[in-house]
Amino acid sequence: MTIILDPRAKNEFHRQVEFYLQRSLEAAETFIEQFEEAYELIATFPFIGPKVDENFRKVRFKSYPFALIYSIEVDEIFIIAVAHDRRNPDYWKKRRKNNAAN
């Protein structure tokens, strides 16, 4: 299955890496590793994340308050957000695959 990372999710990822780089290189590297672990988990076991609404699932990072929010389509997995668990937790719900370029 192909995984597509919404451009807004990619931007969220990069912003968080920059944030953690300001704190320490180790914090940024660990954040990246946990993103990659969540990504690989979804790629290997797409249905592992619990549903957060009728169309989306969530896989949390191990030690950061973030999660990948994604949907499973016919032949692809669409990651719509790299979402903070506590800040505006439902902001991503207004996003849909068909408006990913906005």
PDB file of N, CA and C in Angstrom:
ATOM      1  N   MET A   1       0.838  -1.179   0.000  1.00  0.00           N
ATOM      2  CA  MET A   1       0.000   0.000   0.000  1.00  0.00           C
ATOM      3  C   MET A   1       0.887   1.249   0.000  1.00  0.00           C
ATOM      4  N   THR A   2       0.534   2.206  -0.795  1.00  0.00           N
ATOM      5  CA  THR A   2       1.256   3.467  -0.868  1.00  0.00           C
ATOM      6  C   THR A   2       0.838   4.375   0.284  1.00  0.00           C
ATOM      7  N   ILE A   3       1.794   5.083   0.862  1.00  0.00           N
ATOM      8  CA  ILE A   3       1.475   6.056   1.896  1.00  0.00           C
ATOM      9  C   ILE A   3       1.689   7.454   1.321  1.00  0.00           C
ATOM     10  N   ILE A   4       0.677   8.298   1.491  1.00  0.00           N
ATOM     11  CA  ILE A   4       0.739   9.683   1.033  1.00  0.00           C
ATOM     12  C   ILE A   4       0.707  10.576   2.262  1.00  0.00           C
ATOM     13  N   LEU A   5       1.668  11.491   2.335  1.00  0.00           N
ATOM     14  CA  LEU A   5       1.739  12.442   3.431  1.00  0.00           C
ATOM     15  C   LEU A   5       1.205  13.784   2.940  1.00  0.00           C
ATOM     16  N   ASP A   6       0.079  14.192   3.494  1.00  0.00           N
ATOM     17  CA  ASP A   6      -0.530  15.474   3.144  1.00  0.00           C
ATOM     18  C   ASP A   6       0.519  16.586   3.308  1.00  0.00           C
ATOM     19  N   PRO A   7       0.580  17.535   2.390  1.00  0.00           N
ATOM     20  CA  PRO A   7       1.568  18.616   2.510  1.00  0.00           C
ATOM     21  C   PRO A   7       1.467  19.371   3.836  1.00  0.00           C
ATOM     22  N   ARG A   8       0.265  19.497   4.370  1.00  0.00           N
ATOM     23  CA  ARG A   8       0.112  20.177   5.659  1.00  0.00           C
ATOM     24  C   ARG A   8       0.698  19.339   6.789  1.00  0.00           C
ATOM     25  N   ALA A   9       0.565  18.022   6.702  1.00  0.00           N
ATOM     26  CA  ALA A   9       1.171  17.133   7.704  1.00  0.00           C
ATOM     27  C   ALA A   9       2.692  17.200   7.610  1.00  0.00           C
ATOM     28  N   LYS A  10       3.195  17.253   6.393  1.00  0.00           N
ATOM     29  CA  LYS A  10       4.649  17.389   6.200  1.00  0.00           C
ATOM     30  C   LYS A  10       5.141  18.691   6.825  1.00  0.00           C
ATOM     31  N   ASN A  11       4.389  19.761   6.630  1.00  0.00           N
ATOM     32  CA  ASN A  11       4.740  21.045   7.218  1.00  0.00           C
ATOM     33  C   ASN A  11       4.720  20.972   8.748  1.00  0.00           C
ATOM     34  N   GLU A  12       3.715  20.312   9.306  1.00  0.00           N
ATOM     35  CA  GLU A  12       3.647  20.149  10.764  1.00  0.00           C
ATOM     36  C   GLU A  12       4.861  19.375  11.281  1.00  0.00           C
ATOM     37  N   PHE A  13       5.239  18.344  10.567  1.00  0.00           N
ATOM     38  CA  PHE A  13       6.412  17.560  10.947  1.00  0.00           C
ATOM     39  C   PHE A  13       7.665  18.440  10.972  1.00  0.00           C
ATOM     40  N   HIS A  14       7.872  19.200   9.910  1.00  0.00           N
ATOM     41  CA  HIS A  14       9.062  20.057   9.819  1.00  0.00           C
ATOM     42  C   HIS A  14       9.070  21.143  10.894  1.00  0.00           C
ATOM     43  N   ARG A  15       7.916  21.708  11.176  1.00  0.00           N
ATOM     44  CA  ARG A  15       7.837  22.722  12.239  1.00  0.00           C
ATOM     45  C   ARG A  15       8.218  22.140  13.596  1.00  0.00           C
ATOM     46  N   GLN A  16       7.785  20.916  13.854  1.00  0.00           N
ATOM     47  CA  GLN A  16       8.116  20.299  15.143  1.00  0.00           C
ATOM     48  C   GLN A  16       9.597  19.938  15.225  1.00  0.00           C
ATOM     49  N   VAL A  17      10.156  19.470  14.119  1.00  0.00           N
ATOM     50  CA  VAL A  17      11.588  19.183  14.114  1.00  0.00           C
ATOM     51  C   VAL A  17      12.355  20.459  14.433  1.00  0.00           C
ATOM     52  N   GLU A  18      11.981  21.574  13.813  1.00  0.00           N
ATOM     53  CA  GLU A  18      12.642  22.855  14.089  1.00  0.00           C
ATOM     54  C   GLU A  18      12.483  23.251  15.559  1.00  0.00           C
ATOM     55  N   PHE A  19      11.286  23.059  16.095  1.00  0.00           N
ATOM     56  CA  PHE A  19      11.041  23.374  17.498  1.00  0.00           C
ATOM     57  C   PHE A  19      11.972  22.569  18.400  1.00  0.00           C
ATOM     58  N   TYR A  20      12.057  21.253  18.158  1.00  0.00           N
ATOM     59  CA  TYR A  20      12.896  20.405  19.001  1.00  0.00           C
ATOM     60  C   TYR A  20      14.384  20.661  18.763  1.00  0.00           C
ATOM     61  N   LEU A  21      14.762  21.059  17.558  1.00  0.00           N
ATOM     62  CA  LEU A  21      16.165  21.418  17.308  1.00  0.00           C
ATOM     63  C   LEU A  21      16.587  22.607  18.158  1.00  0.00           C
ATOM     64  N   GLN A  22      15.669  23.517  18.413  1.00  0.00           N
ATOM     65  CA  GLN A  22      15.983  24.657  19.265  1.00  0.00           C
ATOM     66  C   GLN A  22      16.244  24.227  20.702  1.00  0.00           C
ATOM     67  N   ARG A  23      15.672  23.098  21.089  1.00  0.00           N
ATOM     68  CA  ARG A  23      15.877  22.578  22.439  1.00  0.00           C
ATOM     69  C   ARG A  23      17.155  21.748  22.504  1.00  0.00           C
ATOM     70  N   SER A  24      17.271  20.775  21.585  1.00  0.00           N
ATOM     71  CA  SER A  24      18.488  19.958  21.525  1.00  0.00           C
ATOM     72  C   SER A  24      18.447  19.072  20.288  1.00  0.00           C
ATOM     73  N   LEU A  25      19.619  18.734  19.806  1.00  0.00           N
ATOM     74  CA  LEU A  25      19.732  17.834  18.663  1.00  0.00           C
ATOM     75  C   LEU A  25      19.143  16.473  19.014  1.00  0.00           C
ATOM     76  N   GLU A  26      19.401  16.015  20.220  1.00  0.00           N
ATOM     77  CA  GLU A  26      18.880  14.712  20.654  1.00  0.00           C
ATOM     78  C   GLU A  26      17.355  14.685  20.652  1.00  0.00           C
ATOM     79  N   ALA A  27      16.723  15.758  21.122  1.00  0.00           N
ATOM     80  CA  ALA A  27      15.259  15.825  21.133  1.00  0.00           C
ATOM     81  C   ALA A  27      14.701  15.770  19.712  1.00  0.00           C
ATOM     82  N   ALA A  28      15.339  16.485  18.795  1.00  0.00           N
ATOM     83  CA  ALA A  28      14.895  16.480  17.395  1.00  0.00           C
ATOM     84  C   ALA A  28      15.085  15.105  16.765  1.00  0.00           C
ATOM     85  N   GLU A  29      16.225  14.489  17.008  1.00  0.00           N
ATOM     86  CA  GLU A  29      16.491  13.157  16.448  1.00  0.00           C
ATOM     87  C   GLU A  29      15.504  12.125  16.978  1.00  0.00           C
ATOM     88  N   THR A  30      15.195  12.208  18.263  1.00  0.00           N
ATOM     89  CA  THR A  30      14.235  11.269  18.851  1.00  0.00           C
ATOM     90  C   THR A  30      12.844  11.489  18.270  1.00  0.00           C
ATOM     91  N   PHE A  31      12.458  12.748  18.078  1.00  0.00           N
ATOM     92  CA  PHE A  31      11.167  13.047  17.458  1.00  0.00           C
ATOM     93  C   PHE A  31      11.095  12.435  16.063  1.00  0.00           C
ATOM     94  N   ILE A  32      12.149  12.604  15.271  1.00  0.00           N
ATOM     95  CA  ILE A  32      12.196  12.042  13.920  1.00  0.00           C
ATOM     96  C   ILE A  32      12.102  10.520  13.964  1.00  0.00           C
ATOM     97  N   GLU A  33      12.833   9.899  14.870  1.00  0.00           N
ATOM     98  CA  GLU A  33      12.796   8.432  15.015  1.00  0.00           C
ATOM     99  C   GLU A  33      11.383   7.956  15.351  1.00  0.00           C
ATOM    100  N   GLN A  34      10.714   8.668  16.240  1.00  0.00           N
ATOM    101  CA  GLN A  34       9.372   8.251  16.621  1.00  0.00           C
ATOM    102  C   GLN A  34       8.359   8.483  15.499  1.00  0.00           C
ATOM    103  N   PHE A  35       8.556   9.520  14.719  1.00  0.00           N
ATOM    104  CA  PHE A  35       7.738   9.715  13.525  1.00  0.00           C
ATOM    105  C   PHE A  35       7.927   8.524  12.578  1.00  0.00           C
ATOM    106  N   GLU A  36       9.178   8.167  12.329  1.00  0.00           N
ATOM    107  CA  GLU A  36       9.477   7.055  11.423  1.00  0.00           C
ATOM    108  C   GLU A  36       8.912   5.737  11.949  1.00  0.00           C
ATOM    109  N   GLU A  37       8.991   5.513  13.257  1.00  0.00           N
ATOM    110  CA  GLU A  37       8.428   4.292  13.848  1.00  0.00           C
ATOM    111  C   GLU A  37       6.916   4.234  13.641  1.00  0.00           C
ATOM    112  N   ALA A  38       6.230   5.355  13.878  1.00  0.00           N
ATOM    113  CA  ALA A  38       4.778   5.393  13.688  1.00  0.00           C
ATOM    114  C   ALA A  38       4.427   5.176  12.214  1.00  0.00           C
ATOM    115  N   TYR A  39       5.189   5.791  11.332  1.00  0.00           N
ATOM    116  CA  TYR A  39       4.989   5.659   9.883  1.00  0.00           C
ATOM    117  C   TYR A  39       5.140   4.195   9.468  1.00  0.00           C
ATOM    118  N   GLU A  40       6.210   3.548   9.934  1.00  0.00           N
ATOM    119  CA  GLU A  40       6.450   2.139   9.586  1.00  0.00           C
ATOM    120  C   GLU A  40       5.383   1.221  10.175  1.00  0.00           C
ATOM    121  N   LEU A  41       4.922   1.541  11.373  1.00  0.00           N
ATOM    122  CA  LEU A  41       3.867   0.752  11.994  1.00  0.00           C
ATOM    123  C   LEU A  41       2.596   0.808  11.155  1.00  0.00           C
ATOM    124  N   ILE A  42       2.253   2.001  10.701  1.00  0.00           N
ATOM    125  CA  ILE A  42       1.078   2.155   9.836  1.00  0.00           C
ATOM    126  C   ILE A  42       1.271   1.423   8.514  1.00  0.00           C
ATOM    127  N   ALA A  43       2.471   1.511   7.946  1.00  0.00           N
ATOM    128  CA  ALA A  43       2.747   0.839   6.673  1.00  0.00           C
ATOM    129  C   ALA A  43       2.624  -0.675   6.806  1.00  0.00           C
ATOM    130  N   THR A  44       3.059  -1.200   7.938  1.00  0.00           N
ATOM    131  CA  THR A  44       3.052  -2.652   8.149  1.00  0.00           C
ATOM    132  C   THR A  44       1.691  -3.163   8.608  1.00  0.00           C
ATOM    133  N   PHE A  45       1.061  -2.409   9.507  1.00  0.00           N
ATOM    134  CA  PHE A  45      -0.222  -2.817  10.091  1.00  0.00           C
ATOM    135  C   PHE A  45      -1.214  -1.651  10.012  1.00  0.00           C
ATOM    136  N   PRO A  46      -1.787  -1.407   8.847  1.00  0.00           N
ATOM    137  CA  PRO A  46      -2.621  -0.213   8.666  1.00  0.00           C
ATOM    138  C   PRO A  46      -3.786  -0.080   9.650  1.00  0.00           C
ATOM    139  N   PHE A  47      -4.334  -1.192  10.105  1.00  0.00           N
ATOM    140  CA  PHE A  47      -5.516  -1.126  10.966  1.00  0.00           C
ATOM    141  C   PHE A  47      -5.173  -1.084  12.449  1.00  0.00           C
ATOM    142  N   ILE A  48      -3.897  -0.917  12.792  1.00  0.00           N
ATOM    143  CA  ILE A  48      -3.472  -0.938  14.191  1.00  0.00           C
ATOM    144  C   ILE A  48      -3.967   0.262  14.989  1.00  0.00           C
ATOM    145  N   GLY A  49      -4.054   1.404  14.363  1.00  0.00           N
ATOM    146  CA  GLY A  49      -4.475   2.606  15.081  1.00  0.00           C
ATOM    147  C   GLY A  49      -5.954   2.594  15.388  1.00  0.00           C
ATOM    148  N   PRO A  50      -6.326   3.004  16.600  1.00  0.00           N
ATOM    149  CA  PRO A  50      -7.757   3.072  16.915  1.00  0.00           C
ATOM    150  C   PRO A  50      -8.438   4.164  16.105  1.00  0.00           C
ATOM    151  N   LYS A  51      -9.711   3.946  15.804  1.00  0.00           N
ATOM    152  CA  LYS A  51     -10.478   4.959  15.077  1.00  0.00           C
ATOM    153  C   LYS A  51     -10.715   6.165  15.964  1.00  0.00           C
ATOM    154  N   VAL A  52     -10.543   7.351  15.371  1.00  0.00           N
ATOM    155  CA  VAL A  52     -10.831   8.591  16.087  1.00  0.00           C
ATOM    156  C   VAL A  52     -12.088   9.265  15.549  1.00  0.00           C
ATOM    157  N   ASP A  53     -12.548   8.812  14.415  1.00  0.00           N
ATOM    158  CA  ASP A  53     -13.864   9.137  13.877  1.00  0.00           C
ATOM    159  C   ASP A  53     -14.145   8.083  12.814  1.00  0.00           C
ATOM    160  N   GLU A  54     -15.189   8.252  12.045  1.00  0.00           N
ATOM    161  CA  GLU A  54     -15.562   7.179  11.113  1.00  0.00           C
ATOM    162  C   GLU A  54     -14.555   6.943   9.992  1.00  0.00           C
ATOM    163  N   ASN A  55     -13.725   7.940   9.676  1.00  0.00           N
ATOM    164  CA  ASN A  55     -12.788   7.807   8.563  1.00  0.00           C
ATOM    165  C   ASN A  55     -11.320   7.771   8.949  1.00  0.00           C
ATOM    166  N   PHE A  56     -10.986   8.161  10.166  1.00  0.00           N
ATOM    167  CA  PHE A  56      -9.583   8.335  10.522  1.00  0.00           C
ATOM    168  C   PHE A  56      -9.159   7.517  11.734  1.00  0.00           C
ATOM    169  N   ARG A  57      -7.882   7.183  11.724  1.00  0.00           N
ATOM    170  CA  ARG A  57      -7.245   6.440  12.806  1.00  0.00           C
ATOM    171  C   ARG A  57      -6.070   7.243  13.318  1.00  0.00           C
ATOM    172  N   LYS A  58      -5.526   6.811  14.464  1.00  0.00           N
ATOM    173  CA  LYS A  58      -4.442   7.550  15.106  1.00  0.00           C
ATOM    174  C   LYS A  58      -3.396   6.565  15.629  1.00  0.00           C
ATOM    175  N   VAL A  59      -2.128   6.882  15.371  1.00  0.00           N
ATOM    176  CA  VAL A  59      -1.013   6.161  15.978  1.00  0.00           C
ATOM    177  C   VAL A  59      -0.170   7.199  16.702  1.00  0.00           C
ATOM    178  N   ARG A  60      -0.027   7.003  18.007  1.00  0.00           N
ATOM    179  CA  ARG A  60       0.705   7.962  18.846  1.00  0.00           C
ATOM    180  C   ARG A  60       2.197   7.680  18.848  1.00  0.00           C
ATOM    181  N   PHE A  61       2.945   8.752  19.039  1.00  0.00           N
ATOM    182  CA  PHE A  61       4.385   8.643  19.243  1.00  0.00           C
ATOM    183  C   PHE A  61       4.602   8.104  20.658  1.00  0.00           C
ATOM    184  N   LYS A  62       5.732   7.450  20.886  1.00  0.00           N
ATOM    185  CA  LYS A  62       5.973   6.824  22.185  1.00  0.00           C
ATOM    186  C   LYS A  62       6.157   7.824  23.320  1.00  0.00           C
ATOM    187  N   SER A  63       6.963   8.853  23.120  1.00  0.00           N
ATOM    188  CA  SER A  63       7.255   9.748  24.244  1.00  0.00           C
ATOM    189  C   SER A  63       7.073  11.231  23.917  1.00  0.00           C
ATOM    190  N   TYR A  64       6.408  11.518  22.830  1.00  0.00           N
ATOM    191  CA  TYR A  64       6.084  12.900  22.470  1.00  0.00           C
ATOM    192  C   TYR A  64       4.567  12.996  22.369  1.00  0.00           C
ATOM    193  N   PRO A  65       3.991  14.159  22.666  1.00  0.00           N
ATOM    194  CA  PRO A  65       2.527  14.290  22.634  1.00  0.00           C
ATOM    195  C   PRO A  65       1.989  14.500  21.216  1.00  0.00           C
ATOM    196  N   PHE A  66       2.392  13.630  20.296  1.00  0.00           N
ATOM    197  CA  PHE A  66       1.986  13.728  18.896  1.00  0.00           C
ATOM    198  C   PHE A  66       1.478  12.392  18.394  1.00  0.00           C
ATOM    199  N   ALA A  67       0.698  12.472  17.331  1.00  0.00           N
ATOM    200  CA  ALA A  67       0.175  11.271  16.687  1.00  0.00           C
ATOM    201  C   ALA A  67       0.056  11.522  15.191  1.00  0.00           C
ATOM    202  N   LEU A  68       0.155  10.451  14.424  1.00  0.00           N
ATOM    203  CA  LEU A  68      -0.154  10.503  13.001  1.00  0.00           C
ATOM    204  C   LEU A  68      -1.638  10.189  12.863  1.00  0.00           C
ATOM    205  N   ILE A  69      -2.351  11.065  12.187  1.00  0.00           N
ATOM    206  CA  ILE A  69      -3.769  10.868  11.909  1.00  0.00           C
ATOM    207  C   ILE A  69      -3.867  10.450  10.447  1.00  0.00           C
ATOM    208  N   TYR A  70      -4.541   9.333  10.188  1.00  0.00           N
ATOM    209  CA  TYR A  70      -4.546   8.799   8.824  1.00  0.00           C
ATOM    210  C   TYR A  70      -5.850   8.095   8.492  1.00  0.00           C
ATOM    211  N   SER A  71      -6.072   7.955   7.191  1.00  0.00           N
ATOM    212  CA  SER A  71      -7.203   7.177   6.695  1.00  0.00           C
ATOM    213  C   SER A  71      -6.668   6.078   5.788  1.00  0.00           C
ATOM    214  N   ILE A  72      -7.433   5.026   5.698  1.00  0.00           N
ATOM    215  CA  ILE A  72      -7.075   3.911   4.825  1.00  0.00           C
ATOM    216  C   ILE A  72      -8.020   3.958   3.634  1.00  0.00           C
ATOM    217  N   GLU A  73      -7.441   4.179   2.479  1.00  0.00           N
ATOM    218  CA  GLU A  73      -8.219   4.232   1.243  1.00  0.00           C
ATOM    219  C   GLU A  73      -8.103   2.867   0.551  1.00  0.00           C
ATOM    220  N   VAL A  74      -8.655   2.738  -0.625  1.00  0.00           N
ATOM    221  CA  VAL A  74      -8.646   1.468  -1.347  1.00  0.00           C
ATOM    222  C   VAL A  74      -7.233   0.942  -1.556  1.00  0.00           C
ATOM    223  N   ASP A  75      -6.339   1.780  -2.045  1.00  0.00           N
ATOM    224  CA  ASP A  75      -4.987   1.313  -2.358  1.00  0.00           C
ATOM    225  C   ASP A  75      -3.898   2.203  -1.766  1.00  0.00           C
ATOM    226  N   GLU A  76      -4.276   3.027  -0.771  1.00  0.00           N
ATOM    227  CA  GLU A  76      -3.290   3.912  -0.159  1.00  0.00           C
ATOM    228  C   GLU A  76      -3.671   4.263   1.272  1.00  0.00           C
ATOM    229  N   ILE A  77      -2.668   4.696   1.983  1.00  0.00           N
ATOM    230  CA  ILE A  77      -2.857   5.234   3.329  1.00  0.00           C
ATOM    231  C   ILE A  77      -2.551   6.718   3.221  1.00  0.00           C
ATOM    232  N   PHE A  78      -3.457   7.532   3.737  1.00  0.00           N
ATOM    233  CA  PHE A  78      -3.328   8.976   3.618  1.00  0.00           C
ATOM    234  C   PHE A  78      -3.132   9.577   5.006  1.00  0.00           C
ATOM    235  N   ILE A  79      -1.924  10.085   5.291  1.00  0.00           N
ATOM    236  CA  ILE A  79      -1.641  10.727   6.574  1.00  0.00           C
ATOM    237  C   ILE A  79      -2.023  12.198   6.451  1.00  0.00           C
ATOM    238  N   ILE A  80      -3.018  12.590   7.213  1.00  0.00           N
ATOM    239  CA  ILE A  80      -3.565  13.932   7.092  1.00  0.00           C
ATOM    240  C   ILE A  80      -2.982  14.917   8.094  1.00  0.00           C
ATOM    241  N   ALA A  81      -2.388  14.410   9.193  1.00  0.00           N
ATOM    242  CA  ALA A  81      -1.865  15.332  10.204  1.00  0.00           C
ATOM    243  C   ALA A  81      -0.805  14.677  11.075  1.00  0.00           C
ATOM    244  N   VAL A  82       0.131  15.509  11.518  1.00  0.00           N
ATOM    245  CA  VAL A  82       1.044  15.175  12.608  1.00  0.00           C
ATOM    246  C   VAL A  82       0.531  16.058  13.743  1.00  0.00           C
ATOM    247  N   ALA A  83      -0.388  15.499  14.518  1.00  0.00           N
ATOM    248  CA  ALA A  83      -1.189  16.288  15.443  1.00  0.00           C
ATOM    249  C   ALA A  83      -0.692  16.211  16.880  1.00  0.00           C
ATOM    250  N   HIS A  84      -0.677  17.352  17.526  1.00  0.00           N
ATOM    251  CA  HIS A  84      -0.384  17.423  18.954  1.00  0.00           C
ATOM    252  C   HIS A  84      -1.610  16.890  19.686  1.00  0.00           C
ATOM    253  N   ASP A  85      -1.392  16.047  20.681  1.00  0.00           N
ATOM    254  CA  ASP A  85      -2.510  15.428  21.397  1.00  0.00           C
ATOM    255  C   ASP A  85      -3.333  16.403  22.227  1.00  0.00           C
ATOM    256  N   ARG A  86      -2.739  17.498  22.655  1.00  0.00           N
ATOM    257  CA  ARG A  86      -3.427  18.386  23.584  1.00  0.00           C
ATOM    258  C   ARG A  86      -3.806  19.741  22.994  1.00  0.00           C
ATOM    259  N   ARG A  87      -3.098  20.195  21.994  1.00  0.00           N
ATOM    260  CA  ARG A  87      -3.395  21.512  21.403  1.00  0.00           C
ATOM    261  C   ARG A  87      -4.375  21.357  20.256  1.00  0.00           C
ATOM    262  N   ASN A  88      -5.505  21.988  20.361  1.00  0.00           N
ATOM    263  CA  ASN A  88      -6.531  21.909  19.301  1.00  0.00           C
ATOM    264  C   ASN A  88      -6.657  20.485  18.761  1.00  0.00           C
ATOM    265  N   PRO A  89      -7.052  19.542  19.600  1.00  0.00           N
ATOM    266  CA  PRO A  89      -6.985  18.133  19.208  1.00  0.00           C
ATOM    267  C   PRO A  89      -7.798  17.729  17.976  1.00  0.00           C
ATOM    268  N   ASP A  90      -8.821  18.492  17.628  1.00  0.00           N
ATOM    269  CA  ASP A  90      -9.664  18.099  16.494  1.00  0.00           C
ATOM    270  C   ASP A  90      -9.518  18.993  15.272  1.00  0.00           C
ATOM    271  N   TYR A  91      -8.489  19.828  15.232  1.00  0.00           N
ATOM    272  CA  TYR A  91      -8.332  20.774  14.120  1.00  0.00           C
ATOM    273  C   TYR A  91      -8.272  20.076  12.770  1.00  0.00           C
ATOM    274  N   TRP A  92      -7.711  18.908  12.734  1.00  0.00           N
ATOM    275  CA  TRP A  92      -7.490  18.181  11.481  1.00  0.00           C
ATOM    276  C   TRP A  92      -8.791  17.641  10.878  1.00  0.00           C
ATOM    277  N   LYS A  93      -9.867  17.615  11.661  1.00  0.00           N
ATOM    278  CA  LYS A  93     -11.123  17.037  11.164  1.00  0.00           C
ATOM    279  C   LYS A  93     -11.688  17.789   9.968  1.00  0.00           C
ATOM    280  N   LYS A  94     -11.325  19.065   9.821  1.00  0.00           N
ATOM    281  CA  LYS A  94     -11.813  19.818   8.660  1.00  0.00           C
ATOM    282  C   LYS A  94     -11.024  19.492   7.394  1.00  0.00           C
ATOM    283  N   ARG A  95      -9.938  18.762   7.562  1.00  0.00           N
ATOM    284  CA  ARG A  95      -9.121  18.376   6.399  1.00  0.00           C
ATOM    285  C   ARG A  95      -9.690  17.111   5.765  1.00  0.00           C
ATOM    286  N   ARG A  96      -9.618  17.071   4.505  1.00  0.00           N
ATOM    287  CA  ARG A  96     -10.007  15.879   3.757  1.00  0.00           C
ATOM    288  C   ARG A  96      -9.032  15.718   2.609  1.00  0.00           C
ATOM    289  N   LYS A  97      -8.933  14.545   2.114  1.00  0.00           N
ATOM    290  CA  LYS A  97      -7.990  14.247   1.034  1.00  0.00           C
ATOM    291  C   LYS A  97      -8.204  15.161  -0.170  1.00  0.00           C
ATOM    292  N   ASN A  98      -9.441  15.434  -0.519  1.00  0.00           N
ATOM    293  CA  ASN A  98      -9.703  16.226  -1.725  1.00  0.00           C
ATOM    294  C   ASN A  98      -9.328  17.683  -1.598  1.00  0.00           C
ATOM    295  N   ASN A  99      -9.038  18.172  -0.381  1.00  0.00           N
ATOM    296  CA  ASN A  99      -8.594  19.553  -0.260  1.00  0.00           C
ATOM    297  C   ASN A  99      -7.182  19.620   0.328  1.00  0.00           C
ATOM    298  N   ALA A 100      -6.394  18.589   0.093  1.00  0.00           N
ATOM    299  CA  ALA A 100      -5.046  18.492   0.643  1.00  0.00           C
ATOM    300  C   ALA A 100      -4.118  19.589   0.117  1.00  0.00           C
ATOM    301  N   ALA A 101      -4.378  20.113  -1.033  1.00  0.00           N
ATOM    302  CA  ALA A 101      -3.492  21.130  -1.607  1.00  0.00           C
ATOM    303  C   ALA A 101      -3.772  22.522  -1.051  1.00  0.00           C
ATOM    304  N   ASN A 102      -4.849  22.678  -0.310  1.00  0.00           N
ATOM    305  CA  ASN A 102      -5.204  23.999   0.224  1.00  0.00           C
ATOM    306  C   ASN A 102      -4.353  24.379   1.400  1.00  0.00           C
TER     307      ASN A 102
END
